[in-house]
PDB file of N, CA and C in Angstrom:
ATOM      1  N   MET A   1     -11.463  -5.823 -33.614  1.00  0.00           N
ATOM      2  CA  MET A   1     -11.820  -4.480 -34.006  1.00  0.00           C
ATOM      3  C   MET A   1     -12.879  -3.890 -33.080  1.00  0.00           C
ATOM      4  N   LYS A   2     -13.744  -4.738 -32.567  1.00  0.00           N
ATOM      5  CA  LYS A   2     -14.785  -4.271 -31.656  1.00  0.00           C
ATOM      6  C   LYS A   2     -14.176  -3.712 -30.367  1.00  0.00           C
ATOM      7  N   ASN A   3     -13.133  -4.366 -29.880  1.00  0.00           N
ATOM      8  CA  ASN A   3     -12.456  -3.882 -28.673  1.00  0.00           C
ATOM      9  C   ASN A   3     -11.859  -2.491 -28.887  1.00  0.00           C
ATOM     10  N   MET A   4     -11.333  -2.259 -30.081  1.00  0.00           N
ATOM     11  CA  MET A   4     -10.742  -0.967 -30.400  1.00  0.00           C
ATOM     12  C   MET A   4     -11.824   0.110 -30.402  1.00  0.00           C
ATOM     13  N   GLN A   5     -12.983  -0.173 -30.961  1.00  0.00           N
ATOM     14  CA  GLN A   5     -14.074   0.786 -30.972  1.00  0.00           C
ATOM     15  C   GLN A   5     -14.546   1.085 -29.553  1.00  0.00           C
ATOM     16  N   GLN A   6     -14.639   0.056 -28.730  1.00  0.00           N
ATOM     17  CA  GLN A   6     -15.047   0.236 -27.335  1.00  0.00           C
ATOM     18  C   GLN A   6     -14.037   1.109 -26.586  1.00  0.00           C
ATOM     19  N   MET A   7     -12.755   0.839 -26.830  1.00  0.00           N
ATOM     20  CA  MET A   7     -11.714   1.619 -26.170  1.00  0.00           C
ATOM     21  C   MET A   7     -11.769   3.082 -26.624  1.00  0.00           C
ATOM     22  N   MET A   8     -12.014   3.314 -27.902  1.00  0.00           N
ATOM     23  CA  MET A   8     -12.100   4.684 -28.405  1.00  0.00           C
ATOM     24  C   MET A   8     -13.293   5.417 -27.795  1.00  0.00           C
ATOM     25  N   LYS A   9     -14.397   4.734 -27.587  1.00  0.00           N
ATOM     26  CA  LYS A   9     -15.560   5.334 -26.934  1.00  0.00           C
ATOM     27  C   LYS A   9     -15.216   5.728 -25.502  1.00  0.00           C
ATOM     28  N   GLN A  10     -14.482   4.849 -24.812  1.00  0.00           N
ATOM     29  CA  GLN A  10     -14.095   5.139 -23.430  1.00  0.00           C
ATOM     30  C   GLN A  10     -13.151   6.338 -23.367  1.00  0.00           C
ATOM     31  N   VAL A  11     -12.213   6.397 -24.307  1.00  0.00           N
ATOM     32  CA  VAL A  11     -11.272   7.518 -24.348  1.00  0.00           C
ATOM     33  C   VAL A  11     -12.031   8.819 -24.615  1.00  0.00           C
ATOM     34  N   LYS A  12     -12.957   8.791 -25.557  1.00  0.00           N
ATOM     35  CA  LYS A  12     -13.748   9.986 -25.873  1.00  0.00           C
ATOM     36  C   LYS A  12     -14.553  10.432 -24.661  1.00  0.00           C
ATOM     37  N   LYS A  13     -15.162   9.500 -23.945  1.00  0.00           N
ATOM     38  CA  LYS A  13     -15.936   9.820 -22.742  1.00  0.00           C
ATOM     39  C   LYS A  13     -15.030  10.436 -21.678  1.00  0.00           C
ATOM     40  N   MET A  14     -13.853   9.857 -21.494  1.00  0.00           N
ATOM     41  CA  MET A  14     -12.913  10.383 -20.511  1.00  0.00           C
ATOM     42  C   MET A  14     -12.486  11.801 -20.884  1.00  0.00           C
ATOM     43  N   GLN A  15     -12.244  12.054 -22.161  1.00  0.00           N
ATOM     44  CA  GLN A  15     -11.866  13.400 -22.606  1.00  0.00           C
ATOM     45  C   GLN A  15     -12.990  14.399 -22.320  1.00  0.00           C
ATOM     46  N   GLU A  16     -14.216  13.999 -22.587  1.00  0.00           N
ATOM     47  CA  GLU A  16     -15.350  14.876 -22.327  1.00  0.00           C
ATOM     48  C   GLU A  16     -15.485  15.155 -20.838  1.00  0.00           C
ATOM     49  N   ASP A  17     -15.314  14.123 -20.017  1.00  0.00           N
ATOM     50  CA  ASP A  17     -15.395  14.297 -18.564  1.00  0.00           C
ATOM     51  C   ASP A  17     -14.279  15.208 -18.054  1.00  0.00           C
ATOM     52  N   MET A  18     -13.085  15.049 -18.614  1.00  0.00           N
ATOM     53  CA  MET A  18     -11.962  15.895 -18.201  1.00  0.00           C
ATOM     54  C   MET A  18     -12.220  17.344 -18.584  1.00  0.00           C
ATOM     55  N   GLN A  19     -12.777  17.564 -19.763  1.00  0.00           N
ATOM     56  CA  GLN A  19     -13.086  18.919 -20.208  1.00  0.00           C
ATOM     57  C   GLN A  19     -14.099  19.570 -19.265  1.00  0.00           C
ATOM     58  N   LYS A  20     -15.118  18.815 -18.884  1.00  0.00           N
ATOM     59  CA  LYS A  20     -16.125  19.333 -17.959  1.00  0.00           C
ATOM     60  C   LYS A  20     -15.492  19.660 -16.607  1.00  0.00           C
ATOM     61  N   ALA A  21     -14.594  18.791 -16.144  1.00  0.00           N
ATOM     62  CA  ALA A  21     -13.936  19.020 -14.858  1.00  0.00           C
ATOM     63  C   ALA A  21     -13.064  20.269 -14.920  1.00  0.00           C
ATOM     64  N   GLN A  22     -12.364  20.462 -16.030  1.00  0.00           N
ATOM     65  CA  GLN A  22     -11.527  21.657 -16.168  1.00  0.00           C
ATOM     66  C   GLN A  22     -12.384  22.918 -16.184  1.00  0.00           C
ATOM     67  N   GLU A  23     -13.519  22.862 -16.861  1.00  0.00           N
ATOM     68  CA  GLU A  23     -14.416  24.009 -16.880  1.00  0.00           C
ATOM     69  C   GLU A  23     -14.979  24.289 -15.483  1.00  0.00           C
ATOM     70  N   ALA A  24     -15.285  23.231 -14.745  1.00  0.00           N
ATOM     71  CA  ALA A  24     -15.835  23.388 -13.398  1.00  0.00           C
ATOM     72  C   ALA A  24     -14.821  24.022 -12.444  1.00  0.00           C
ATOM     73  N   LEU A  25     -13.529  23.837 -12.717  1.00  0.00           N
ATOM     74  CA  LEU A  25     -12.504  24.434 -11.858  1.00  0.00           C
ATOM     75  C   LEU A  25     -12.611  25.953 -11.816  1.00  0.00           C
ATOM     76  N   LYS A  26     -13.127  26.540 -12.874  1.00  0.00           N
ATOM     77  CA  LYS A  26     -13.258  28.004 -12.906  1.00  0.00           C
ATOM     78  C   LYS A  26     -14.240  28.487 -11.844  1.00  0.00           C
ATOM     79  N   GLU A  27     -15.165  27.609 -11.448  1.00  0.00           N
ATOM     80  CA  GLU A  27     -16.175  27.963 -10.458  1.00  0.00           C
ATOM     81  C   GLU A  27     -15.785  27.542  -9.037  1.00  0.00           C
ATOM     82  N   GLN A  28     -14.584  27.006  -8.885  1.00  0.00           N
ATOM     83  CA  GLN A  28     -14.099  26.627  -7.553  1.00  0.00           C
ATOM     84  C   GLN A  28     -13.049  27.647  -7.125  1.00  0.00           C
ATOM     85  N   PHE A  29     -13.058  27.962  -5.847  1.00  0.00           N
ATOM     86  CA  PHE A  29     -12.190  29.029  -5.345  1.00  0.00           C
ATOM     87  C   PHE A  29     -11.368  28.559  -4.158  1.00  0.00           C
ATOM     88  N   VAL A  30     -10.200  29.152  -4.023  1.00  0.00           N
ATOM     89  CA  VAL A  30      -9.350  28.949  -2.859  1.00  0.00           C
ATOM     90  C   VAL A  30      -8.998  30.318  -2.307  1.00  0.00           C
ATOM     91  N   GLU A  31      -8.682  30.355  -1.025  1.00  0.00           N
ATOM     92  CA  GLU A  31      -8.235  31.592  -0.390  1.00  0.00           C
ATOM     93  C   GLU A  31      -6.968  31.324   0.390  1.00  0.00           C
ATOM     94  N   ALA A  32      -6.135  32.326   0.442  1.00  0.00           N
ATOM     95  CA  ALA A  32      -4.923  32.257   1.252  1.00  0.00           C
ATOM     96  C   ALA A  32      -4.721  33.622   1.870  1.00  0.00           C
ATOM     97  N   SER A  33      -4.126  33.614   3.059  1.00  0.00           N
ATOM     98  CA  SER A  33      -3.890  34.893   3.726  1.00  0.00           C
ATOM     99  C   SER A  33      -2.460  34.954   4.236  1.00  0.00           C
ATOM    100  N   ALA A  34      -2.059  36.161   4.559  1.00  0.00           N
ATOM    101  CA  ALA A  34      -0.723  36.406   5.117  1.00  0.00           C
ATOM    102  C   ALA A  34      -0.859  37.495   6.164  1.00  0.00           C
ATOM    103  N   GLY A  35       0.135  37.561   7.026  1.00  0.00           N
ATOM    104  CA  GLY A  35       0.143  38.589   8.068  1.00  0.00           C
ATOM    105  C   GLY A  35      -0.992  38.420   9.052  1.00  0.00           C
ATOM    106  N   GLY A  36      -1.280  37.167   9.406  1.00  0.00           N
ATOM    107  CA  GLY A  36      -2.344  36.910  10.376  1.00  0.00           C
ATOM    108  C   GLY A  36      -3.719  37.326   9.862  1.00  0.00           C
ATOM    109  N   GLY A  37      -3.914  37.222   8.552  1.00  0.00           N
ATOM    110  CA  GLY A  37      -5.200  37.579   7.970  1.00  0.00           C
ATOM    111  C   GLY A  37      -5.284  39.022   7.502  1.00  0.00           C
ATOM    112  N   ALA A  38      -4.168  39.733   7.561  1.00  0.00           N
ATOM    113  CA  ALA A  38      -4.166  41.134   7.123  1.00  0.00           C
ATOM    114  C   ALA A  38      -4.389  41.255   5.617  1.00  0.00           C
ATOM    115  N   ILE A  39      -3.906  40.264   4.879  1.00  0.00           N
ATOM    116  CA  ILE A  39      -4.062  40.221   3.426  1.00  0.00           C
ATOM    117  C   ILE A  39      -4.716  38.885   3.087  1.00  0.00           C
ATOM    118  N   THR A  40      -5.751  38.913   2.262  1.00  0.00           N
ATOM    119  CA  THR A  40      -6.382  37.686   1.795  1.00  0.00           C
ATOM    120  C   THR A  40      -6.487  37.752   0.282  1.00  0.00           C
ATOM    121  N   VAL A  41      -6.085  36.655  -0.352  1.00  0.00           N
ATOM    122  CA  VAL A  41      -6.143  36.551  -1.802  1.00  0.00           C
ATOM    123  C   VAL A  41      -7.054  35.391  -2.155  1.00  0.00           C
ATOM    124  N   LYS A  42      -7.968  35.629  -3.091  1.00  0.00           N
ATOM    125  CA  LYS A  42      -8.897  34.599  -3.550  1.00  0.00           C
ATOM    126  C   LYS A  42      -8.621  34.344  -5.030  1.00  0.00           C
ATOM    127  N   ALA A  43      -8.506  33.062  -5.391  1.00  0.00           N
ATOM    128  CA  ALA A  43      -8.246  32.680  -6.778  1.00  0.00           C
ATOM    129  C   ALA A  43      -9.212  31.582  -7.194  1.00  0.00           C
ATOM    130  N   ASN A  44      -9.486  31.512  -8.491  1.00  0.00           N
ATOM    131  CA  ASN A  44     -10.313  30.413  -8.965  1.00  0.00           C
ATOM    132  C   ASN A  44      -9.427  29.284  -9.481  1.00  0.00           C
ATOM    133  N   GLY A  45     -10.054  28.202  -9.878  1.00  0.00           N
ATOM    134  CA  GLY A  45      -9.313  27.018 -10.313  1.00  0.00           C
ATOM    135  C   GLY A  45      -8.590  27.171 -11.626  1.00  0.00           C
ATOM    136  N   HIS A  46      -8.737  28.308 -12.284  1.00  0.00           N
ATOM    137  CA  HIS A  46      -7.996  28.588 -13.505  1.00  0.00           C
ATOM    138  C   HIS A  46      -6.821  29.529 -13.243  1.00  0.00           C
ATOM    139  N   LYS A  47      -6.445  29.650 -11.981  1.00  0.00           N
ATOM    140  CA  LYS A  47      -5.327  30.493 -11.542  1.00  0.00           C
ATOM    141  C   LYS A  47      -5.558  31.972 -11.838  1.00  0.00           C
ATOM    142  N   GLN A  48      -6.794  32.391 -11.751  1.00  0.00           N
ATOM    143  CA  GLN A  48      -7.104  33.806 -11.893  1.00  0.00           C
ATOM    144  C   GLN A  48      -7.351  34.374 -10.500  1.00  0.00           C
ATOM    145  N   ILE A  49      -6.648  35.439 -10.158  1.00  0.00           N
ATOM    146  CA  ILE A  49      -6.872  36.116  -8.895  1.00  0.00           C
ATOM    147  C   ILE A  49      -8.174  36.896  -9.050  1.00  0.00           C
ATOM    148  N   VAL A  50      -9.150  36.594  -8.196  1.00  0.00           N
ATOM    149  CA  VAL A  50     -10.459  37.242  -8.336  1.00  0.00           C
ATOM    150  C   VAL A  50     -10.702  38.290  -7.255  1.00  0.00           C
ATOM    151  N   ALA A  51      -9.922  38.263  -6.175  1.00  0.00           N
ATOM    152  CA  ALA A  51     -10.091  39.273  -5.127  1.00  0.00           C
ATOM    153  C   ALA A  51      -8.841  39.335  -4.255  1.00  0.00           C
ATOM    154  N   ILE A  52      -8.538  40.538  -3.828  1.00  0.00           N
ATOM    155  CA  ILE A  52      -7.486  40.773  -2.833  1.00  0.00           C
ATOM    156  C   ILE A  52      -8.078  41.707  -1.791  1.00  0.00           C
ATOM    157  N   THR A  53      -8.020  41.266  -0.541  1.00  0.00           N
ATOM    158  CA  THR A  53      -8.529  42.080   0.556  1.00  0.00           C
ATOM    159  C   THR A  53      -7.353  42.497   1.433  1.00  0.00           C
ATOM    160  N   ILE A  54      -7.273  43.790   1.703  1.00  0.00           N
ATOM    161  CA  ILE A  54      -6.201  44.329   2.552  1.00  0.00           C
ATOM    162  C   ILE A  54      -6.861  45.085   3.691  1.00  0.00           C
ATOM    163  N   LYS A  55      -6.573  44.663   4.911  1.00  0.00           N
ATOM    164  CA  LYS A  55      -7.120  45.376   6.067  1.00  0.00           C
ATOM    165  C   LYS A  55      -6.441  46.745   6.163  1.00  0.00           C
ATOM    166  N   PRO A  56      -7.214  47.785   6.394  1.00  0.00           N
ATOM    167  CA  PRO A  56      -6.662  49.156   6.412  1.00  0.00           C
ATOM    168  C   PRO A  56      -5.520  49.336   7.411  1.00  0.00           C
ATOM    169  N   GLU A  57      -5.581  48.658   8.534  1.00  0.00           N
ATOM    170  CA  GLU A  57      -4.536  48.876   9.541  1.00  0.00           C
ATOM    171  C   GLU A  57      -3.154  48.374   9.117  1.00  0.00           C
ATOM    172  N   VAL A  58      -3.089  47.575   8.067  1.00  0.00           N
ATOM    173  CA  VAL A  58      -1.794  47.070   7.610  1.00  0.00           C
ATOM    174  C   VAL A  58      -1.150  48.022   6.593  1.00  0.00           C
ATOM    175  N   ILE A  59      -1.887  49.018   6.145  1.00  0.00           N
ATOM    176  CA  ILE A  59      -1.363  49.969   5.165  1.00  0.00           C
ATOM    177  C   ILE A  59      -0.559  51.044   5.891  1.00  0.00           C
ATOM    178  N   ASP A  60       0.734  50.986   5.677  1.00  0.00           N
ATOM    179  CA  ASP A  60       1.654  51.943   6.285  1.00  0.00           C
ATOM    180  C   ASP A  60       2.468  52.578   5.161  1.00  0.00           C
ATOM    181  N   PRO A  61       2.215  53.850   4.856  1.00  0.00           N
ATOM    182  CA  PRO A  61       2.940  54.506   3.763  1.00  0.00           C
ATOM    183  C   PRO A  61       4.454  54.481   3.950  1.00  0.00           C
ATOM    184  N   GLU A  62       4.883  54.340   5.180  1.00  0.00           N
ATOM    185  CA  GLU A  62       6.317  54.309   5.466  1.00  0.00           C
ATOM    186  C   GLU A  62       6.925  52.926   5.237  1.00  0.00           C
ATOM    187  N   ASP A  63       6.072  51.903   5.053  1.00  0.00           N
ATOM    188  CA  ASP A  63       6.577  50.541   4.901  1.00  0.00           C
ATOM    189  C   ASP A  63       5.822  49.803   3.793  1.00  0.00           C
ATOM    190  N   ALA A  64       5.888  50.338   2.591  1.00  0.00           N
ATOM    191  CA  ALA A  64       5.221  49.717   1.437  1.00  0.00           C
ATOM    192  C   ALA A  64       5.801  48.335   1.143  1.00  0.00           C
ATOM    193  N   GLU A  65       7.079  48.151   1.427  1.00  0.00           N
ATOM    194  CA  GLU A  65       7.737  46.876   1.154  1.00  0.00           C
ATOM    195  C   GLU A  65       7.090  45.731   1.945  1.00  0.00           C
ATOM    196  N   MET A  66       6.723  45.989   3.188  1.00  0.00           N
ATOM    197  CA  MET A  66       6.086  44.959   3.998  1.00  0.00           C
ATOM    198  C   MET A  66       4.749  44.565   3.388  1.00  0.00           C
ATOM    199  N   LEU A  67       3.973  45.537   2.942  1.00  0.00           N
ATOM    200  CA  LEU A  67       2.687  45.274   2.315  1.00  0.00           C
ATOM    201  C   LEU A  67       2.879  44.474   1.026  1.00  0.00           C
ATOM    202  N   GLN A  68       3.862  44.844   0.245  1.00  0.00           N
ATOM    203  CA  GLN A  68       4.159  44.112  -0.982  1.00  0.00           C
ATOM    204  C   GLN A  68       4.511  42.653  -0.684  1.00  0.00           C
ATOM    205  N   ASP A  69       5.324  42.446   0.338  1.00  0.00           N
ATOM    206  CA  ASP A  69       5.708  41.081   0.717  1.00  0.00           C
ATOM    207  C   ASP A  69       4.495  40.259   1.152  1.00  0.00           C
ATOM    208  N   LEU A  70       3.591  40.872   1.906  1.00  0.00           N
ATOM    209  CA  LEU A  70       2.390  40.155   2.348  1.00  0.00           C
ATOM    210  C   LEU A  70       1.497  39.778   1.170  1.00  0.00           C
ATOM    211  N   VAL A  71       1.326  40.703   0.231  1.00  0.00           N
ATOM    212  CA  VAL A  71       0.514  40.417  -0.954  1.00  0.00           C
ATOM    213  C   VAL A  71       1.157  39.306  -1.769  1.00  0.00           C
ATOM    214  N   LEU A  72       2.440  39.368  -1.940  1.00  0.00           N
ATOM    215  CA  LEU A  72       3.169  38.347  -2.688  1.00  0.00           C
ATOM    216  C   LEU A  72       3.039  36.974  -2.021  1.00  0.00           C
ATOM    217  N   THR A  73       3.204  36.941  -0.709  1.00  0.00           N
ATOM    218  CA  THR A  73       3.104  35.684   0.035  1.00  0.00           C
ATOM    219  C   THR A  73       1.709  35.077  -0.086  1.00  0.00           C
ATOM    220  N   ALA A  74       0.693  35.889   0.106  1.00  0.00           N
ATOM    221  CA  ALA A  74      -0.681  35.387   0.027  1.00  0.00           C
ATOM    222  C   ALA A  74      -1.021  34.937  -1.396  1.00  0.00           C
ATOM    223  N   THR A  75      -0.549  35.672  -2.382  1.00  0.00           N
ATOM    224  CA  THR A  75      -0.822  35.309  -3.771  1.00  0.00           C
ATOM    225  C   THR A  75      -0.167  33.989  -4.131  1.00  0.00           C
ATOM    226  N   ASN A  76       1.084  33.827  -3.771  1.00  0.00           N
ATOM    227  CA  ASN A  76       1.777  32.569  -4.063  1.00  0.00           C
ATOM    228  C   ASN A  76       1.123  31.391  -3.353  1.00  0.00           C
ATOM    229  N   GLU A  77       0.661  31.590  -2.140  1.00  0.00           N
ATOM    230  CA  GLU A  77      -0.021  30.520  -1.404  1.00  0.00           C
ATOM    231  C   GLU A  77      -1.353  30.173  -2.072  1.00  0.00           C
ATOM    232  N   ALA A  78      -2.080  31.166  -2.542  1.00  0.00           N
ATOM    233  CA  ALA A  78      -3.345  30.909  -3.234  1.00  0.00           C
ATOM    234  C   ALA A  78      -3.099  30.107  -4.510  1.00  0.00           C
ATOM    235  N   LEU A  79      -2.076  30.463  -5.255  1.00  0.00           N
ATOM    236  CA  LEU A  79      -1.766  29.732  -6.483  1.00  0.00           C
ATOM    237  C   LEU A  79      -1.308  28.313  -6.189  1.00  0.00           C
ATOM    238  N   ARG A  80      -0.591  28.113  -5.085  1.00  0.00           N
ATOM    239  CA  ARG A  80      -0.196  26.764  -4.688  1.00  0.00           C
ATOM    240  C   ARG A  80      -1.431  25.930  -4.365  1.00  0.00           C
ATOM    241  N   LYS A  81      -2.401  26.558  -3.693  1.00  0.00           N
ATOM    242  CA  LYS A  81      -3.634  25.852  -3.366  1.00  0.00           C
ATOM    243  C   LYS A  81      -4.430  25.499  -4.629  1.00  0.00           C
ATOM    244  N   VAL A  82      -4.388  26.364  -5.631  1.00  0.00           N
ATOM    245  CA  VAL A  82      -5.047  26.053  -6.903  1.00  0.00           C
ATOM    246  C   VAL A  82      -4.389  24.826  -7.541  1.00  0.00           C
ATOM    247  N   ASP A  83      -3.068  24.770  -7.476  1.00  0.00           N
ATOM    248  CA  ASP A  83      -2.369  23.598  -8.009  1.00  0.00           C
ATOM    249  C   ASP A  83      -2.822  22.322  -7.306  1.00  0.00           C
ATOM    250  N   GLU A  84      -2.961  22.383  -5.986  1.00  0.00           N
ATOM    251  CA  GLU A  84      -3.432  21.223  -5.222  1.00  0.00           C
ATOM    252  C   GLU A  84      -4.854  20.849  -5.634  1.00  0.00           C
ATOM    253  N   LEU A  85      -5.720  21.848  -5.762  1.00  0.00           N
ATOM    254  CA  LEU A  85      -7.099  21.616  -6.160  1.00  0.00           C
ATOM    255  C   LEU A  85      -7.156  20.967  -7.541  1.00  0.00           C
ATOM    256  N   THR A  86      -6.384  21.505  -8.474  1.00  0.00           N
ATOM    257  CA  THR A  86      -6.357  20.972  -9.835  1.00  0.00           C
ATOM    258  C   THR A  86      -5.849  19.537  -9.841  1.00  0.00           C
ATOM    259  N   ALA A  87      -4.777  19.273  -9.110  1.00  0.00           N
ATOM    260  CA  ALA A  87      -4.231  17.916  -9.060  1.00  0.00           C
ATOM    261  C   ALA A  87      -5.248  16.945  -8.481  1.00  0.00           C
ATOM    262  N   LYS A  88      -5.964  17.379  -7.469  1.00  0.00           N
ATOM    263  CA  LYS A  88      -6.975  16.518  -6.844  1.00  0.00           C
ATOM    264  C   LYS A  88      -8.119  16.232  -7.813  1.00  0.00           C
ATOM    265  N   GLU A  89      -8.644  17.286  -8.435  1.00  0.00           N
ATOM    266  CA  GLU A  89      -9.789  17.128  -9.341  1.00  0.00           C
ATOM    267  C   GLU A  89      -9.413  16.339 -10.585  1.00  0.00           C
ATOM    268  N   MET A  90      -8.289  16.661 -11.189  1.00  0.00           N
ATOM    269  CA  MET A  90      -7.897  16.002 -12.424  1.00  0.00           C
ATOM    270  C   MET A  90      -7.255  14.634 -12.158  1.00  0.00           C
ATOM    271  N   GLY A  91      -6.779  14.426 -10.945  1.00  0.00           N
ATOM    272  CA  GLY A  91      -6.189  13.138 -10.577  1.00  0.00           C
ATOM    273  C   GLY A  91      -7.181  12.001 -10.675  1.00  0.00           C
ATOM    274  N   ARG A  92      -8.467  12.324 -10.621  1.00  0.00           N
ATOM    275  CA  ARG A  92      -9.485  11.285 -10.787  1.00  0.00           C
ATOM    276  C   ARG A  92      -9.383  10.641 -12.157  1.00  0.00           C
ATOM    277  N   PHE A  93      -8.900  11.382 -13.130  1.00  0.00           N
ATOM    278  CA  PHE A  93      -8.827  10.880 -14.499  1.00  0.00           C
ATOM    279  C   PHE A  93      -7.472  10.267 -14.819  1.00  0.00           C
ATOM    280  N   THR A  94      -6.451  10.728 -14.147  1.00  0.00           N
ATOM    281  CA  THR A  94      -5.102  10.266 -14.465  1.00  0.00           C
ATOM    282  C   THR A  94      -4.596   9.225 -13.485  1.00  0.00           C
ATOM    283  N   GLY A  95      -5.406   8.895 -12.498  1.00  0.00           N
ATOM    284  CA  GLY A  95      -4.976   7.917 -11.502  1.00  0.00           C
ATOM    285  C   GLY A  95      -3.809   8.406 -10.677  1.00  0.00           C
ATOM    286  N   GLY A  96      -3.691   9.729 -10.533  1.00  0.00           N
ATOM    287  CA  GLY A  96      -2.613  10.296  -9.726  1.00  0.00           C
ATOM    288  C   GLY A  96      -1.330  10.542 -10.504  1.00  0.00           C
ATOM    289  N   MET A  97      -1.294  10.119 -11.775  1.00  0.00           N
ATOM    290  CA  MET A  97      -0.093  10.365 -12.572  1.00  0.00           C
ATOM    291  C   MET A  97      -0.048  11.828 -12.969  1.00  0.00           C
ATOM    292  N   ASN A  98       1.105  12.410 -12.906  1.00  0.00           N
ATOM    293  CA  ASN A  98       1.279  13.790 -13.334  1.00  0.00           C
ATOM    294  C   ASN A  98       1.696  13.761 -14.801  1.00  0.00           C
ATOM    295  N   ILE A  99       0.748  14.052 -15.689  1.00  0.00           N
ATOM    296  CA  ILE A  99       1.022  14.021 -17.120  1.00  0.00           C
ATOM    297  C   ILE A  99       1.270  15.455 -17.575  1.00  0.00           C
ATOM    298  N   PRO A 100       2.521  15.780 -17.954  1.00  0.00           N
ATOM    299  CA  PRO A 100       2.859  17.149 -18.338  1.00  0.00           C
ATOM    300  C   PRO A 100       1.962  17.663 -19.456  1.00  0.00           C
ATOM    301  N   GLY A 101       1.514  18.909 -19.305  1.00  0.00           N
ATOM    302  CA  GLY A 101       0.705  19.554 -20.323  1.00  0.00           C
ATOM    303  C   GLY A 101      -0.771  19.180 -20.291  1.00  0.00           C
ATOM    304  N   LEU A 102      -1.152  18.242 -19.437  1.00  0.00           N
ATOM    305  CA  LEU A 102      -2.546  17.808 -19.404  1.00  0.00           C
ATOM    306  C   LEU A 102      -3.409  18.809 -18.667  1.00  0.00           C
ATOM    307  N   PHE A 103      -2.888  19.397 -17.590  1.00  0.00           N
ATOM    308  CA  PHE A 103      -3.629  20.404 -16.829  1.00  0.00           C
ATOM    309  C   PHE A 103      -2.686  21.290 -16.090  1.00  0.00           C
TER     310      PHE A 103
END
């Protein structure tokens, strides 16, 4: 029974550490750009887009589709980087296992 109590303490500690790590992800940021840096998207570790920078010279009223594509590309890359960041940070707790729904 003592081993079970010890294991439960370890599980509780790990849960608390994971919660702290997930909260800390909100304060970590990634950036991605497209069009040679014409568009830059910044996201935090909770997959929230916090900034989009568009250089004025890339704004062409005659070609809105190109601008849309650049924003989309940079945004998707930023979100992919957040996934990598999350997997790296949370992988410390899961030993690299991808546990669905955990993060």
